[in-house]
Amino acid sequence: MHLREGQIDHLRSVLEPIQYGQRVDGAFIYGPPGGGKTHAAQMLVRRLKQAADHVRTTHIDCWNHNTHSAIVTQLLEGLGGVAAPSNAAGYALMDQLRDNLESPYVVILDEADQIEDDRTLYELHECPRVSVICIANDYGEFFDPLDMRVESRLNAYQPIEFPKYNNDQLETILEGRIRNGVRPGAVPDSVVATIVDVSHNDARKAIDNLRKALDRADARGRDVVTEAIVREVAPETERELVEKTFSKLTRRQRVLYEILVEDGGRLSIGEVYEQFRERYDAGDGDMPTQRTAKRQLKKLSHYDIIGWAGENSARRYWAATDELYPDATAE
């Protein structure tokens, strides 16, 4: 993580007072996928735990746990030995969490822009021993829809940006992997440059493309990876990452995707939302606002599931791929 030294030093300075018994407001880490946000947060929280074993920590993937009750249940489980009552109301779970907090508790809320209820963020901020690290893709998109009361609390969180890696940085990451685990000469410099080119500044894609290209070359009895092999495996990597993300989508997000695939064109947010209202199942809870639907569309664009272009009223959305459509509404 030496390419993120500035961000890591910043987050370390935020977390350091916790080991001395002080409570900190927390941090907001943001940036595009594949930029090392989660890895950096987990690494520093792990080091904090090693330096001060009285500190409790947990990591919650808010794509899998996005409701108030689900998140607080995960927090209780993270304390160890604290069982969350089945079917308990959210306020009862929060009361139980407060009653069981005897030491500092550092909570990583990954994909925090998936959280459905602002109340979760507000109540965690109000817990005296809890320090929160929120991770999301975009700073403005996260804060824009928040209730003013919640936003005022979270404005105290330290913003730490993890921008896209540039080409030189991505080459450095790949060269480190090659140097420490690949036979010399197996991946020429020109091939490293090709991997960078097809990976679009995403470290996860670059590492996956390197691994796949090495495996493909080995399967064909080749000692050296070629540029052609890299370009052959790159679409497979793209599809696997999109499928992995798609498998985690909420029902609401799948409906938005389905609307765009079935239309096949480019729709305004008003056109998307009109169809969304027609298809919405009351069993899925309260009807999301158009603003929420817009936020969800932008979220999906970060993971290459949908595309968009234009600003304000001229913005249009479309499905970036229709290959996922047969599974769009699968449970």
Protein backbone atom coordinates (compact mmCIF):
# COMPACT_ATOMS: atom_id res chain seq x y z
CA MET A 1 0.00 0.00 0.00
CA HIS A 2 3.02 2.32 -0.38
CA LEU A 3 1.22 4.07 -3.25
CA ARG A 4 -1.41 5.20 -0.76
CA GLU A 5 0.96 6.48 1.93
CA GLY A 6 -0.74 9.87 2.18
CA GLN A 7 -4.19 8.36 2.66
CA ILE A 8 -2.92 5.73 5.09
CA ASP A 9 -1.08 8.32 7.18
CA HIS A 10 -4.25 10.43 7.28
CA LEU A 11 -6.43 7.54 8.41
CA ARG A 12 -3.82 6.44 10.93
CA SER A 13 -3.84 9.91 12.49
CA VAL A 14 -7.64 9.74 12.74
CA LEU A 15 -7.63 6.35 14.46
CA GLU A 16 -4.57 6.72 16.70
CA PRO A 17 -6.32 8.49 19.64
CA ILE A 18 -8.64 5.49 20.04
CA GLN A 19 -5.87 3.30 21.45
CA TYR A 20 -5.40 5.87 24.23
CA GLY A 21 -9.06 5.77 25.20
CA GLN A 22 -10.22 8.79 23.22
CA ARG A 23 -13.31 8.76 21.06
CA VAL A 24 -12.98 10.03 17.48
CA ASP A 25 -15.76 11.02 15.11
CA GLY A 26 -14.51 8.80 12.31
CA ALA A 27 -13.57 9.00 8.65
CA PHE A 28 -15.21 8.96 5.25
CA ILE A 29 -13.16 7.09 2.63
CA TYR A 30 -14.26 7.52 -0.95
CA GLY A 31 -13.14 6.75 -4.49
CA PRO A 32 -13.86 4.47 -7.45
CA PRO A 33 -13.81 0.66 -7.20
CA GLY A 34 -10.41 -1.02 -7.23
CA GLY A 35 -8.60 1.83 -5.50
CA GLY A 36 -7.64 0.05 -2.27
CA LYS A 37 -10.16 1.71 0.07
CA THR A 38 -11.34 -1.41 1.88
CA HIS A 39 -7.89 -2.97 2.05
CA ALA A 40 -6.39 0.17 3.61
CA ALA A 41 -9.17 0.52 6.18
CA GLN A 42 -9.01 -3.13 7.21
CA MET A 43 -5.21 -3.04 7.45
CA LEU A 44 -5.16 -0.01 9.75
CA VAL A 45 -8.01 -1.25 11.92
CA ARG A 46 -6.20 -4.57 12.28
CA ARG A 47 -3.03 -2.74 13.35
CA LEU A 48 -5.03 -0.67 15.82
CA LYS A 49 -6.40 -3.87 17.32
CA GLN A 50 -2.89 -5.28 17.64
CA ALA A 51 -1.66 -2.13 19.38
CA ALA A 52 -4.64 -1.97 21.75
CA ASP A 53 -6.34 -5.31 22.25
CA HIS A 54 -9.16 -3.75 24.28
CA VAL A 55 -10.47 -2.10 21.10
CA ARG A 56 -13.27 -4.00 19.36
CA THR A 57 -13.59 -3.89 15.59
CA THR A 58 -15.89 -5.14 12.86
CA HIS A 59 -16.37 -4.82 9.11
CA ILE A 60 -19.86 -4.74 7.59
CA ASP A 61 -20.61 -5.06 3.88
CA CYS A 62 -23.66 -2.80 3.61
CA TRP A 63 -24.56 -4.26 0.25
CA ASN A 64 -25.40 -7.49 2.08
CA HIS A 65 -26.62 -5.77 5.25
CA ASN A 66 -28.32 -2.50 4.33
CA THR A 67 -31.24 -2.16 6.75
CA HIS A 68 -31.10 -0.64 10.22
CA SER A 69 -31.82 -3.95 11.96
CA ALA A 70 -29.38 -5.94 9.81
CA ILE A 71 -26.52 -3.53 10.49
CA VAL A 72 -27.11 -3.35 14.24
CA THR A 73 -27.40 -7.15 14.36
CA GLN A 74 -24.00 -7.39 12.68
CA LEU A 75 -22.60 -4.92 15.21
CA LEU A 76 -23.85 -7.06 18.08
CA GLU A 77 -22.36 -10.18 16.53
CA GLY A 78 -19.08 -8.32 16.11
CA LEU A 79 -18.88 -7.87 19.87
CA GLY A 80 -18.71 -11.64 20.27
CA GLY A 81 -20.94 -13.58 22.61
CA VAL A 82 -23.78 -11.08 22.25
CA ALA A 83 -26.81 -12.67 20.63
CA ALA A 84 -29.27 -10.40 18.85
CA PRO A 85 -32.90 -11.25 19.70
CA SER A 86 -34.78 -12.58 16.69
CA ASN A 87 -37.33 -10.18 15.20
CA ALA A 88 -36.36 -7.45 17.67
CA ALA A 89 -37.21 -3.86 16.75
CA GLY A 90 -34.37 -1.59 15.67
CA TYR A 91 -34.56 0.58 18.80
CA ALA A 92 -34.32 -2.53 21.01
CA LEU A 93 -31.23 -3.70 19.13
CA MET A 94 -29.60 -0.27 19.55
CA ASP A 95 -30.37 -0.33 23.27
CA GLN A 96 -28.73 -3.74 23.52
CA LEU A 97 -25.69 -2.47 21.60
CA ARG A 98 -25.27 0.49 23.94
CA ASP A 99 -25.66 -1.74 27.00
CA ASN A 100 -22.90 -4.08 25.79
CA LEU A 101 -20.35 -1.46 24.77
CA GLU A 102 -17.63 -1.52 27.39
CA SER A 103 -14.67 -0.47 25.23
CA PRO A 104 -14.01 1.47 22.00
CA TYR A 105 -15.66 -0.08 18.96
CA VAL A 106 -14.33 0.75 15.48
CA VAL A 107 -16.86 -0.03 12.76
CA ILE A 108 -16.12 -0.16 9.02
CA LEU A 109 -19.30 0.41 7.01
CA ASP A 110 -18.25 -0.73 3.53
CA GLU A 111 -20.47 0.37 0.62
CA ALA A 112 -22.09 2.77 3.09
CA ASP A 113 -24.10 4.40 0.32
CA GLN A 114 -26.24 1.24 0.32
CA ILE A 115 -27.61 1.97 3.80
CA GLU A 116 -31.36 2.46 3.47
CA ASP A 117 -32.07 4.41 6.66
CA ASP A 118 -30.13 7.56 7.63
CA ARG A 119 -31.14 6.83 11.22
CA THR A 120 -28.50 4.10 11.33
CA LEU A 121 -25.67 6.57 10.74
CA TYR A 122 -27.14 9.08 13.18
CA GLU A 123 -27.55 6.57 16.00
CA LEU A 124 -24.08 5.11 15.52
CA HIS A 125 -22.61 8.59 15.67
CA GLU A 126 -24.44 9.17 18.94
CA CYS A 127 -23.01 6.00 20.52
CA PRO A 128 -20.21 7.31 22.78
CA ARG A 129 -17.77 4.42 22.24
CA VAL A 130 -18.37 3.85 18.52
CA SER A 131 -16.11 5.30 15.82
CA VAL A 132 -17.25 4.80 12.24
CA ILE A 133 -15.30 4.51 9.01
CA CYS A 134 -17.66 4.91 6.06
CA ILE A 135 -16.51 3.69 2.64
CA ALA A 136 -18.31 4.71 -0.56
CA ASN A 137 -17.62 5.61 -4.18
CA ASP A 138 -18.47 9.30 -4.29
CA TYR A 139 -18.40 11.99 -1.61
CA GLY A 140 -21.13 14.22 -3.04
CA GLU A 141 -23.44 11.36 -3.97
CA PHE A 142 -23.24 10.02 -0.43
CA PHE A 143 -23.95 13.28 1.39
CA ASP A 144 -26.44 14.84 -1.03
CA PRO A 145 -29.53 12.77 -0.04
CA LEU A 146 -28.81 12.66 3.70
CA ASP A 147 -31.17 14.22 6.20
CA MET A 148 -29.71 17.55 7.36
CA ARG A 149 -29.43 16.33 10.95
CA VAL A 150 -27.38 13.32 9.83
CA GLU A 151 -25.27 15.34 7.42
CA SER A 152 -24.33 17.82 10.15
CA ARG A 153 -22.99 14.96 12.28
CA LEU A 154 -21.07 13.27 9.48
CA ASN A 155 -19.49 16.52 8.32
CA ALA A 156 -17.14 16.06 11.26
CA TYR A 157 -15.78 12.85 9.71
CA GLN A 158 -12.39 13.22 8.05
CA PRO A 159 -12.76 12.89 4.24
CA ILE A 160 -10.02 10.74 2.68
CA GLU A 161 -10.02 10.35 -1.09
CA PHE A 162 -8.63 7.30 -2.87
CA PRO A 163 -8.49 8.46 -6.51
CA LYS A 164 -8.03 6.10 -9.42
CA TYR A 165 -4.53 4.73 -9.81
CA ASN A 166 -2.70 6.27 -12.74
CA ASN A 167 -0.90 4.09 -15.28
CA ASP A 168 2.49 4.35 -13.58
CA GLN A 169 1.04 3.36 -10.21
CA LEU A 170 -0.79 0.39 -11.69
CA GLU A 171 2.41 -0.74 -13.41
CA THR A 172 4.20 -0.52 -10.06
CA ILE A 173 1.55 -2.71 -8.43
CA LEU A 174 1.80 -5.31 -11.19
CA GLU A 175 5.59 -5.27 -11.22
CA GLY A 176 5.59 -5.96 -7.48
CA ARG A 177 3.32 -8.98 -7.99
CA ILE A 178 5.45 -10.23 -10.86
CA ARG A 179 8.72 -9.74 -8.99
CA ASN A 180 7.48 -11.68 -5.96
CA GLY A 181 5.67 -14.56 -7.61
CA VAL A 182 6.37 -14.95 -11.32
CA ARG A 183 9.29 -16.48 -13.18
CA PRO A 184 11.61 -13.78 -14.58
CA GLY A 185 10.83 -12.96 -18.19
CA ALA A 186 7.36 -14.51 -18.18
CA VAL A 187 5.62 -11.13 -18.37
CA PRO A 188 7.47 -8.64 -20.62
CA ASP A 189 7.21 -4.90 -20.00
CA SER A 190 5.04 -4.47 -23.09
CA VAL A 191 2.58 -7.00 -21.69
CA VAL A 192 2.47 -5.18 -18.34
CA ALA A 193 1.56 -2.03 -20.26
CA THR A 194 -1.21 -3.93 -22.05
CA ILE A 195 -2.62 -5.19 -18.75
CA VAL A 196 -2.70 -1.61 -17.49
CA ASP A 197 -4.42 -0.49 -20.69
CA VAL A 198 -7.25 -3.05 -20.48
CA SER A 199 -7.76 -2.65 -16.71
CA HIS A 200 -8.95 0.98 -16.77
CA ASN A 201 -7.02 2.10 -13.67
CA ASP A 202 -8.65 -0.57 -11.50
CA ALA A 203 -6.17 -2.56 -9.41
CA ARG A 204 -8.56 -5.48 -8.93
CA LYS A 205 -9.00 -5.86 -12.66
CA ALA A 206 -5.28 -5.54 -13.28
CA ILE A 207 -4.37 -8.23 -10.76
CA ASP A 208 -7.11 -10.55 -12.05
CA ASN A 209 -5.99 -9.99 -15.64
CA LEU A 210 -2.40 -10.81 -14.70
CA ARG A 211 -3.45 -14.01 -12.96
CA LYS A 212 -5.74 -15.10 -15.78
CA ALA A 213 -3.14 -14.35 -18.44
CA LEU A 214 -0.50 -16.39 -16.61
CA ASP A 215 -2.91 -19.31 -16.22
CA ARG A 216 -3.93 -19.12 -19.88
CA ALA A 217 -0.32 -19.05 -21.07
CA ASP A 218 0.56 -22.01 -18.83
CA ALA A 219 -2.44 -23.99 -20.11
CA ARG A 220 -1.19 -23.49 -23.65
CA GLY A 221 2.36 -24.48 -22.82
CA ARG A 222 3.73 -20.98 -23.31
CA ASP A 223 6.62 -19.66 -21.23
CA VAL A 224 5.79 -16.04 -21.93
CA VAL A 225 2.49 -14.17 -21.67
CA THR A 226 1.58 -12.33 -24.86
CA GLU A 227 -0.43 -9.17 -25.41
CA ALA A 228 -2.98 -11.23 -27.35
CA ILE A 229 -3.57 -13.47 -24.33
CA VAL A 230 -4.11 -10.43 -22.11
CA ARG A 231 -6.69 -8.98 -24.50
CA GLU A 232 -8.35 -12.39 -24.65
CA VAL A 233 -8.83 -12.72 -20.88
CA ALA A 234 -9.74 -9.08 -20.18
CA PRO A 235 -13.44 -9.41 -21.18
CA GLU A 236 -13.72 -12.48 -18.93
CA THR A 237 -12.39 -10.48 -15.99
CA GLU A 238 -14.83 -7.65 -16.71
CA ARG A 239 -17.77 -10.03 -16.84
CA GLU A 240 -16.81 -11.87 -13.65
CA LEU A 241 -16.54 -8.63 -11.68
CA VAL A 242 -19.87 -7.37 -13.02
CA GLU A 243 -21.54 -10.71 -12.22
CA LYS A 244 -20.09 -10.65 -8.71
CA THR A 245 -21.49 -7.18 -8.13
CA PHE A 246 -24.81 -8.04 -9.77
CA SER A 247 -25.30 -10.99 -7.42
CA LYS A 248 -25.36 -8.52 -4.50
CA LEU A 249 -27.90 -6.08 -5.93
CA THR A 250 -31.05 -5.34 -4.02
CA ARG A 251 -34.46 -6.06 -5.53
CA ARG A 252 -34.91 -2.34 -6.20
CA GLN A 253 -31.63 -2.11 -8.09
CA ARG A 254 -32.49 -5.15 -10.18
CA VAL A 255 -35.79 -3.57 -11.19
CA LEU A 256 -33.98 -0.42 -12.31
CA TYR A 257 -31.62 -2.52 -14.41
CA GLU A 258 -34.52 -4.51 -15.86
CA ILE A 259 -36.28 -1.31 -16.96
CA LEU A 260 -33.22 -0.10 -18.85
CA VAL A 261 -32.56 -3.46 -20.53
CA GLU A 262 -36.15 -3.90 -21.67
CA ASP A 263 -36.34 -0.39 -23.08
CA GLY A 264 -33.03 -0.76 -24.90
CA GLY A 265 -32.62 2.99 -25.27
CA ARG A 266 -31.53 5.96 -23.22
CA LEU A 267 -34.00 7.15 -20.60
CA SER A 268 -34.26 10.23 -18.41
CA ILE A 269 -34.57 9.78 -14.67
CA GLY A 270 -38.24 10.76 -14.97
CA GLU A 271 -38.89 8.02 -17.53
CA VAL A 272 -37.05 5.44 -15.45
CA TYR A 273 -38.87 6.44 -12.28
CA GLU A 274 -42.29 6.35 -13.92
CA GLN A 275 -41.75 2.71 -14.92
CA PHE A 276 -40.21 1.97 -11.53
CA ARG A 277 -43.36 3.18 -9.76
CA GLU A 278 -45.51 0.95 -11.99
CA ARG A 279 -43.44 -2.14 -11.17
CA TYR A 280 -42.82 -1.46 -7.51
CA ASP A 281 -43.96 -4.17 -5.13
CA ALA A 282 -45.49 -2.86 -1.91
CA GLY A 283 -43.92 -5.82 -0.16
CA ASP A 284 -40.52 -4.23 -0.72
CA GLY A 285 -41.31 -1.45 1.76
CA ASP A 286 -41.87 2.27 1.29
CA MET A 287 -41.69 3.60 -2.25
CA PRO A 288 -38.23 5.12 -2.82
CA THR A 289 -38.18 8.72 -4.01
CA GLN A 290 -37.00 9.69 -7.48
CA ARG A 291 -33.91 11.13 -5.82
CA THR A 292 -33.13 7.75 -4.28
CA ALA A 293 -33.63 6.00 -7.62
CA LYS A 294 -31.21 8.44 -9.24
CA ARG A 295 -28.67 7.74 -6.52
CA GLN A 296 -29.02 3.99 -7.10
CA LEU A 297 -28.52 4.40 -10.86
CA LYS A 298 -25.32 6.33 -10.27
CA LYS A 299 -24.17 3.63 -7.87
CA LEU A 300 -24.68 0.95 -10.53
CA SER A 301 -22.68 3.00 -13.01
CA HIS A 302 -19.60 2.72 -10.79
CA TYR A 303 -19.69 -1.04 -11.39
CA ASP A 304 -20.30 -0.96 -15.17
CA ILE A 305 -23.86 -2.30 -14.89
CA ILE A 306 -25.43 0.82 -16.34
CA GLY A 307 -24.09 3.82 -18.25
CA TRP A 308 -25.06 7.47 -18.26
CA ALA A 309 -24.25 10.71 -20.06
CA GLY A 310 -25.30 14.33 -19.81
CA GLU A 311 -25.95 16.67 -16.91
CA ASN A 312 -29.08 17.72 -15.03
CA SER A 313 -32.25 17.37 -17.13
CA ALA A 314 -30.24 16.21 -20.16
CA ARG A 315 -28.84 13.17 -18.34
CA ARG A 316 -29.78 9.82 -19.84
CA TYR A 317 -29.28 6.27 -18.52
CA TRP A 318 -28.92 2.94 -20.32
CA ALA A 319 -27.99 -0.66 -19.57
CA ALA A 320 -24.24 -1.17 -20.06
CA THR A 321 -24.85 -4.87 -20.70
CA ASP A 322 -27.90 -7.01 -21.36
CA GLU A 323 -26.14 -10.29 -20.59
CA LEU A 324 -27.32 -10.21 -16.97
CA TYR A 325 -30.96 -9.71 -17.90
CA PRO A 326 -32.22 -13.33 -17.48
CA ASP A 327 -31.22 -13.05 -13.82
CA ALA A 328 -32.42 -9.50 -13.32
CA THR A 329 -35.41 -10.32 -11.15
CA ALA A 330 -34.23 -13.64 -9.74
CA GLU A 331 -34.36 -13.93 -6.00
